[in-house]
N, C-alpha and C. Protein backbone atom coordinates (compact mmCIF):
# COMPACT_ATOMS: atom_id res chain seq x y z
N MET A 1 -17.98 -19.45 5.40
CA MET A 1 -18.53 -18.26 5.94
C MET A 1 -17.89 -17.11 5.22
N ILE A 2 -18.84 -16.36 4.76
CA ILE A 2 -18.48 -15.06 4.08
C ILE A 2 -18.27 -13.88 4.97
N VAL A 3 -17.08 -13.16 4.83
CA VAL A 3 -16.83 -12.11 5.82
C VAL A 3 -16.46 -10.82 4.97
N GLU A 4 -17.03 -9.73 5.35
CA GLU A 4 -16.61 -8.45 4.62
C GLU A 4 -15.95 -7.59 5.69
N LEU A 5 -14.70 -7.09 5.34
CA LEU A 5 -14.02 -6.12 6.09
C LEU A 5 -13.49 -4.99 5.38
N ILE A 6 -13.38 -3.81 6.32
CA ILE A 6 -12.95 -2.68 5.64
C ILE A 6 -11.56 -2.61 6.46
N ILE A 7 -10.32 -2.35 5.54
CA ILE A 7 -8.99 -2.30 6.18
C ILE A 7 -8.09 -1.70 5.22
N SER A 8 -7.06 -1.12 5.71
CA SER A 8 -5.89 -0.84 4.80
C SER A 8 -5.52 -1.89 4.01
N GLU A 9 -5.38 -1.65 2.73
CA GLU A 9 -4.97 -2.85 1.85
C GLU A 9 -3.43 -3.35 2.34
N LEU A 10 -2.64 -2.21 2.59
CA LEU A 10 -1.23 -2.56 2.98
C LEU A 10 -1.30 -3.41 4.32
N ASP A 11 -2.08 -3.03 5.27
CA ASP A 11 -2.26 -3.77 6.74
C ASP A 11 -2.68 -5.31 6.31
N PHE A 12 -3.67 -5.47 5.40
CA PHE A 12 -4.21 -6.80 5.04
C PHE A 12 -2.98 -7.68 4.31
N TYR A 13 -2.28 -6.94 3.50
CA TYR A 13 -1.10 -7.71 2.88
C TYR A 13 -0.11 -7.99 3.89
N LEU A 14 0.20 -7.09 4.78
CA LEU A 14 1.20 -7.43 5.80
C LEU A 14 0.97 -8.66 6.82
N ILE A 15 -0.43 -8.58 7.10
CA ILE A 15 -0.85 -9.56 7.89
C ILE A 15 -0.67 -11.04 7.45
N GLU A 16 -1.12 -11.03 6.12
CA GLU A 16 -1.06 -12.34 5.50
C GLU A 16 0.29 -12.72 5.21
N LYS A 17 1.19 -11.90 4.97
CA LYS A 17 2.71 -12.09 4.57
C LYS A 17 3.29 -12.58 5.89
N VAL A 18 3.02 -11.98 7.08
CA VAL A 18 3.54 -12.24 8.24
C VAL A 18 3.14 -13.75 8.65
N ARG A 19 1.82 -14.08 8.34
CA ARG A 19 1.31 -15.45 8.61
C ARG A 19 1.98 -16.45 7.71
N GLU A 20 2.21 -16.03 6.43
CA GLU A 20 2.79 -17.09 5.40
C GLU A 20 4.41 -17.25 5.85
N LEU A 21 5.01 -16.29 6.26
CA LEU A 21 6.39 -16.30 6.62
C LEU A 21 6.45 -17.22 8.11
N ARG A 22 5.46 -17.11 8.99
CA ARG A 22 5.48 -17.69 10.20
C ARG A 22 5.30 -19.22 10.13
N LYS A 23 4.22 -19.63 9.18
CA LYS A 23 3.88 -20.84 8.94
C LYS A 23 5.10 -21.61 8.21
N LYS A 24 5.70 -20.85 7.25
CA LYS A 24 6.89 -21.34 6.49
C LYS A 24 7.95 -21.91 7.51
N GLU A 25 8.30 -21.24 8.67
CA GLU A 25 9.16 -21.40 9.65
C GLU A 25 8.65 -22.45 10.80
N ASN A 26 7.43 -22.69 10.52
CA ASN A 26 6.72 -23.83 11.49
C ASN A 26 6.70 -23.16 12.94
N ILE A 27 6.39 -21.94 12.89
CA ILE A 27 6.32 -21.24 14.38
C ILE A 27 4.89 -21.01 14.58
N SER A 28 4.41 -21.47 15.71
CA SER A 28 2.98 -21.28 16.08
C SER A 28 2.64 -19.69 16.43
N GLN A 29 1.34 -19.39 16.40
CA GLN A 29 1.04 -18.08 16.86
C GLN A 29 1.61 -17.74 18.29
N VAL A 30 1.40 -18.50 19.30
CA VAL A 30 1.78 -18.57 20.48
C VAL A 30 3.44 -18.31 20.69
N GLN A 31 4.23 -19.13 19.93
CA GLN A 31 5.65 -18.99 19.81
C GLN A 31 6.11 -17.68 19.29
N LEU A 32 5.48 -17.22 18.19
CA LEU A 32 5.89 -15.79 17.83
C LEU A 32 5.51 -14.78 18.71
N ALA A 33 4.33 -14.83 19.23
CA ALA A 33 3.96 -13.85 20.34
C ALA A 33 5.15 -13.89 21.47
N GLN A 34 5.55 -15.10 22.01
CA GLN A 34 6.46 -15.10 23.10
C GLN A 34 7.69 -14.52 22.56
N LYS A 35 7.99 -14.70 21.32
CA LYS A 35 9.49 -14.11 20.76
C LYS A 35 9.39 -12.67 20.65
N ILE A 36 8.12 -12.10 20.38
CA ILE A 36 8.13 -10.74 20.15
C ILE A 36 7.68 -9.83 21.27
N GLY A 37 7.36 -10.55 22.48
CA GLY A 37 6.83 -9.78 23.59
C GLY A 37 5.59 -9.42 23.63
N VAL A 38 4.50 -9.99 22.98
CA VAL A 38 3.17 -9.66 23.26
C VAL A 38 2.35 -10.64 23.79
N SER A 39 1.17 -10.52 24.14
CA SER A 39 0.30 -11.55 24.75
C SER A 39 0.07 -12.80 23.79
N GLU A 40 -0.03 -13.81 24.20
CA GLU A 40 -0.13 -15.10 23.54
C GLU A 40 -1.30 -15.08 22.58
N GLY A 41 -2.29 -14.35 22.86
CA GLY A 41 -3.54 -14.29 21.97
C GLY A 41 -3.30 -13.21 20.76
N PHE A 42 -2.35 -12.42 20.77
CA PHE A 42 -2.29 -11.18 20.00
C PHE A 42 -2.25 -11.52 18.70
N ILE A 43 -1.23 -12.48 18.36
CA ILE A 43 -0.97 -13.02 16.91
C ILE A 43 -2.28 -13.49 16.36
N GLY A 44 -3.11 -14.32 17.10
CA GLY A 44 -4.40 -14.86 16.69
C GLY A 44 -5.29 -13.75 16.38
N HIS A 45 -5.36 -12.84 17.16
CA HIS A 45 -6.33 -11.61 16.89
C HIS A 45 -5.99 -10.92 15.76
N VAL A 46 -4.62 -10.67 15.43
CA VAL A 46 -4.19 -10.03 14.13
C VAL A 46 -4.55 -10.83 12.96
N GLU A 47 -4.25 -12.14 12.98
CA GLU A 47 -4.56 -13.04 11.81
C GLU A 47 -6.01 -13.30 11.61
N ASN A 48 -6.93 -12.96 12.51
CA ASN A 48 -8.36 -13.22 12.43
C ASN A 48 -8.94 -11.93 11.90
N PRO A 49 -9.56 -12.28 10.62
CA PRO A 49 -10.11 -11.02 9.67
C PRO A 49 -11.26 -10.46 10.52
N LYS A 50 -11.82 -11.11 11.58
CA LYS A 50 -13.01 -10.62 12.08
C LYS A 50 -12.56 -9.55 13.34
N GLN A 51 -11.37 -9.55 13.54
CA GLN A 51 -10.67 -8.82 14.59
C GLN A 51 -10.22 -7.48 13.83
N ASN A 52 -9.94 -6.56 14.83
CA ASN A 52 -9.38 -5.23 14.32
C ASN A 52 -7.83 -5.03 14.59
N HIS A 53 -7.32 -5.86 15.05
CA HIS A 53 -5.76 -5.87 15.70
C HIS A 53 -4.85 -5.94 14.39
N LYS A 54 -3.77 -4.88 14.61
CA LYS A 54 -2.81 -5.02 13.32
C LYS A 54 -1.38 -5.10 14.13
N TYR A 55 -0.33 -5.28 13.27
CA TYR A 55 1.02 -5.09 13.53
C TYR A 55 1.34 -3.54 13.27
N ASN A 56 2.36 -3.16 14.24
CA ASN A 56 2.87 -1.74 13.95
C ASN A 56 4.33 -1.84 13.38
N ILE A 57 4.87 -0.68 13.23
CA ILE A 57 6.41 -0.78 12.70
C ILE A 57 7.26 -1.42 13.58
N ARG A 58 7.05 -1.01 14.79
CA ARG A 58 8.06 -1.74 15.88
C ARG A 58 7.72 -3.36 15.76
N MET A 59 6.69 -3.62 15.88
CA MET A 59 6.42 -5.14 15.80
C MET A 59 6.97 -5.76 14.60
N LEU A 60 7.06 -5.07 13.42
CA LEU A 60 7.53 -5.76 12.40
C LEU A 60 8.90 -5.95 12.45
N ASN A 61 9.63 -5.04 13.05
CA ASN A 61 11.05 -5.17 13.54
C ASN A 61 11.34 -6.53 14.20
N ARG A 62 10.54 -6.67 15.43
CA ARG A 62 10.65 -7.63 16.19
C ARG A 62 10.25 -8.98 15.49
N ILE A 63 9.20 -8.99 14.61
CA ILE A 63 8.81 -10.13 13.94
C ILE A 63 10.00 -10.65 12.97
N ALA A 64 10.59 -9.65 12.33
CA ALA A 64 11.68 -9.89 11.34
C ALA A 64 12.85 -10.57 12.16
N ASN A 65 13.15 -10.11 13.14
CA ASN A 65 14.07 -10.78 14.17
C ASN A 65 13.78 -12.20 14.43
N ALA A 66 12.41 -12.30 14.95
CA ALA A 66 12.12 -13.71 15.39
C ALA A 66 12.01 -14.81 14.21
N LEU A 67 11.77 -14.43 13.10
CA LEU A 67 11.59 -15.17 11.80
C LEU A 67 12.78 -15.09 10.97
N LYS A 68 13.85 -14.41 11.43
CA LYS A 68 15.28 -14.47 10.89
C LYS A 68 15.01 -13.67 9.48
N ILE A 69 14.26 -12.81 9.15
CA ILE A 69 14.17 -12.12 8.02
C ILE A 69 15.38 -11.31 7.81
N LYS A 70 15.88 -11.30 6.43
CA LYS A 70 16.84 -10.66 6.28
C LYS A 70 16.67 -9.17 5.71
N SER A 71 15.55 -8.90 5.14
CA SER A 71 15.20 -7.62 4.66
C SER A 71 13.74 -7.26 4.96
N TYR A 72 13.48 -5.98 5.24
CA TYR A 72 12.00 -5.53 5.30
C TYR A 72 11.34 -5.81 4.12
N SER A 73 11.99 -5.73 2.95
CA SER A 73 11.37 -6.00 1.71
C SER A 73 10.55 -7.33 1.54
N ASP A 74 10.94 -8.18 2.42
CA ASP A 74 10.16 -9.50 2.47
C ASP A 74 8.81 -9.54 2.97
N PHE A 75 8.43 -8.35 3.64
CA PHE A 75 7.11 -8.26 4.21
C PHE A 75 6.32 -7.39 3.15
N PHE A 76 6.89 -6.48 2.27
CA PHE A 76 6.15 -5.78 1.51
C PHE A 76 5.85 -6.18 0.15
N PRO A 77 4.77 -5.66 -0.60
CA PRO A 77 4.46 -6.14 -1.99
C PRO A 77 5.53 -5.29 -2.85
N ASP A 78 5.72 -5.97 -4.13
CA ASP A 78 6.71 -5.50 -4.99
C ASP A 78 6.40 -4.07 -5.49
N LYS A 79 5.21 -3.77 -5.58
CA LYS A 79 4.70 -2.40 -6.02
C LYS A 79 3.91 -1.67 -4.87
N VAL A 80 3.86 -0.30 -5.05
CA VAL A 80 3.20 0.38 -4.27
C VAL A 80 1.48 0.14 -4.62
N LEU A 81 0.78 -0.21 -3.42
CA LEU A 81 -0.47 -0.34 -3.72
C LEU A 81 -1.38 0.87 -4.03
N SER A 82 -2.20 0.77 -4.90
CA SER A 82 -2.91 1.96 -5.53
C SER A 82 -4.10 2.48 -4.81
N THR A 83 -4.57 1.68 -3.75
CA THR A 83 -5.51 2.12 -2.92
C THR A 83 -5.18 2.01 -1.40
N ASP A 84 -5.78 2.94 -0.58
CA ASP A 84 -5.40 2.85 0.94
C ASP A 84 -6.43 2.02 1.47
N ILE A 85 -7.68 2.50 1.72
CA ILE A 85 -8.74 1.61 2.63
C ILE A 85 -9.58 1.01 1.53
N VAL A 86 -9.69 -0.26 1.77
CA VAL A 86 -10.41 -1.08 0.71
C VAL A 86 -11.56 -1.89 1.46
N LYS A 87 -12.37 -2.45 0.77
CA LYS A 87 -13.43 -3.30 1.30
C LYS A 87 -13.14 -4.75 0.66
N ILE A 88 -12.94 -5.58 1.51
CA ILE A 88 -12.45 -6.96 1.16
C ILE A 88 -13.64 -7.95 1.53
N LYS A 89 -14.09 -8.79 0.75
CA LYS A 89 -14.98 -9.69 0.95
C LYS A 89 -14.34 -11.19 0.65
N ILE A 90 -14.27 -11.94 1.72
CA ILE A 90 -13.60 -13.03 1.61
C ILE A 90 -14.59 -14.32 2.01
N GLU A 91 -14.12 -15.51 1.56
CA GLU A 91 -14.76 -16.79 2.01
C GLU A 91 -13.83 -17.39 2.97
N LEU A 92 -14.16 -17.61 4.14
CA LEU A 92 -13.21 -18.31 5.12
C LEU A 92 -13.57 -19.82 5.15
N PHE A 93 -12.38 -20.57 5.10
CA PHE A 93 -12.43 -22.05 5.04
C PHE A 93 -12.39 -22.53 6.54
N ASP A 94 -12.90 -23.72 6.50
CA ASP A 94 -12.84 -24.44 7.89
C ASP A 94 -11.22 -24.62 8.16
N PRO A 95 -10.96 -23.92 9.46
CA PRO A 95 -9.58 -24.18 9.74
C PRO A 95 -9.13 -25.70 10.11
N LYS A 96 -10.19 -26.56 10.23
CA LYS A 96 -9.77 -27.96 10.55
C LYS A 96 -9.45 -28.79 9.36
N ASN A 97 -9.82 -28.20 8.08
CA ASN A 97 -9.52 -28.76 6.81
C ASN A 97 -8.00 -28.68 6.38
N LYS A 98 -7.24 -29.51 6.68
CA LYS A 98 -5.72 -29.42 6.54
C LYS A 98 -5.35 -29.64 5.03
N ASP A 99 -6.39 -30.06 4.17
CA ASP A 99 -6.07 -30.28 2.70
C ASP A 99 -5.92 -28.81 2.03
N ARG A 100 -6.40 -27.77 2.59
CA ARG A 100 -6.45 -26.63 1.98
C ARG A 100 -5.03 -25.74 2.19
N ASN A 101 -4.59 -25.17 1.03
CA ASN A 101 -3.38 -24.50 1.23
C ASN A 101 -3.69 -23.01 1.84
N SER A 102 -4.85 -22.49 1.60
CA SER A 102 -5.20 -21.13 2.02
C SER A 102 -6.24 -21.20 3.03
N ARG A 103 -6.34 -20.15 3.76
CA ARG A 103 -7.37 -20.10 4.88
C ARG A 103 -8.65 -19.35 4.37
N PHE A 104 -8.59 -18.74 3.07
CA PHE A 104 -9.56 -17.95 2.69
C PHE A 104 -9.63 -17.99 1.19
N LYS A 105 -10.65 -17.52 0.56
CA LYS A 105 -10.65 -17.16 -0.83
C LYS A 105 -11.15 -15.75 -1.00
N SER A 106 -10.44 -14.93 -1.63
CA SER A 106 -10.65 -13.41 -1.83
C SER A 106 -11.91 -13.44 -2.92
N ILE A 107 -12.98 -12.95 -2.65
CA ILE A 107 -14.08 -12.75 -3.53
C ILE A 107 -14.16 -11.54 -4.36
N LYS A 108 -13.85 -10.54 -3.56
CA LYS A 108 -13.78 -9.06 -4.14
C LYS A 108 -13.17 -8.08 -3.23
N ILE A 109 -12.33 -7.35 -3.91
CA ILE A 109 -11.61 -6.10 -3.17
C ILE A 109 -11.94 -5.01 -4.08
N THR A 110 -12.54 -3.88 -3.23
CA THR A 110 -12.95 -2.66 -3.86
C THR A 110 -12.55 -1.54 -3.04
N PRO A 111 -12.13 -0.52 -3.71
CA PRO A 111 -11.72 0.84 -2.86
C PRO A 111 -13.16 1.21 -2.13
N CYS A 112 -12.87 1.92 -1.02
CA CYS A 112 -13.86 2.35 -0.37
C CYS A 112 -14.45 3.69 -0.80
N THR A 113 -15.67 4.05 -0.36
CA THR A 113 -16.21 5.33 -0.73
C THR A 113 -15.66 6.33 0.24
N ASP A 114 -15.78 7.62 0.02
CA ASP A 114 -15.47 8.50 0.94
C ASP A 114 -16.08 8.35 2.40
N THR A 115 -17.40 8.06 2.26
CA THR A 115 -18.12 7.87 3.52
C THR A 115 -17.69 6.60 4.32
N GLU A 116 -17.31 5.42 3.48
CA GLU A 116 -16.84 4.26 4.24
C GLU A 116 -15.51 4.53 4.91
N ILE A 117 -14.73 5.40 4.22
CA ILE A 117 -13.47 5.88 4.84
C ILE A 117 -13.57 6.61 6.02
N GLU A 118 -14.61 7.61 6.05
CA GLU A 118 -14.92 8.37 7.28
C GLU A 118 -15.28 7.50 8.44
N GLU A 119 -16.08 6.45 8.15
CA GLU A 119 -16.59 5.49 9.24
C GLU A 119 -15.45 4.73 9.66
N TYR A 120 -14.62 4.35 8.79
CA TYR A 120 -13.30 3.54 9.32
C TYR A 120 -12.45 4.31 10.14
N ASN A 121 -12.32 5.54 9.67
CA ASN A 121 -11.40 6.39 10.49
C ASN A 121 -12.00 6.71 11.91
N LYS A 122 -13.31 6.85 12.01
CA LYS A 122 -13.98 7.06 13.38
C LYS A 122 -13.79 5.84 14.28
N ARG A 123 -14.02 4.58 13.60
CA ARG A 123 -13.86 3.52 14.46
C ARG A 123 -12.36 3.28 14.82
N GLN A 124 -11.47 3.54 14.06
CA GLN A 124 -10.08 3.67 14.43
C GLN A 124 -9.73 4.48 15.49
N SER A 125 -10.41 5.66 15.39
CA SER A 125 -9.95 6.70 16.62
C SER A 125 -10.59 6.25 17.77
N ARG A 126 -11.86 5.78 17.72
CA ARG A 126 -12.62 5.10 18.95
C ARG A 126 -11.75 3.92 19.49
N SER A 127 -11.25 3.19 18.84
CA SER A 127 -10.57 1.93 19.25
C SER A 127 -9.12 2.21 19.83
N GLY A 128 -8.48 3.53 19.23
CA GLY A 128 -7.25 3.94 19.56
C GLY A 128 -6.12 3.16 18.77
N SER A 129 -6.57 2.55 17.52
CA SER A 129 -5.55 1.80 16.82
C SER A 129 -5.28 2.44 15.44
N ASN A 130 -5.39 3.81 15.29
CA ASN A 130 -5.06 4.47 14.09
C ASN A 130 -3.54 4.68 13.82
């Protein structure tokens, strides 16, 4: 399945990094949710690229403690990302296929136009997750 989303490039990076660290520690989405005090479905919503949920700074602190992360730098890219809001086109793989190391293949990442950023900001303000 091909999915196209508009998201902060840093949000996308953080979501994938937390997922990677969670899986490395063999902690399920539900277990992590319980450890950080959010609803059991929240982590699944954040990790689902078709959903608009994100982590906030306070959650990253709780996640760091739950996953025994020693430094916040473990969450972030080595360099500052050059773009803010991007359009990401990905191919989602079947989650039942355990032979795959990845859950998706990135097809294309492009900076958003001013119009797309305005639309993104409107959606964020309507959903209250800005």
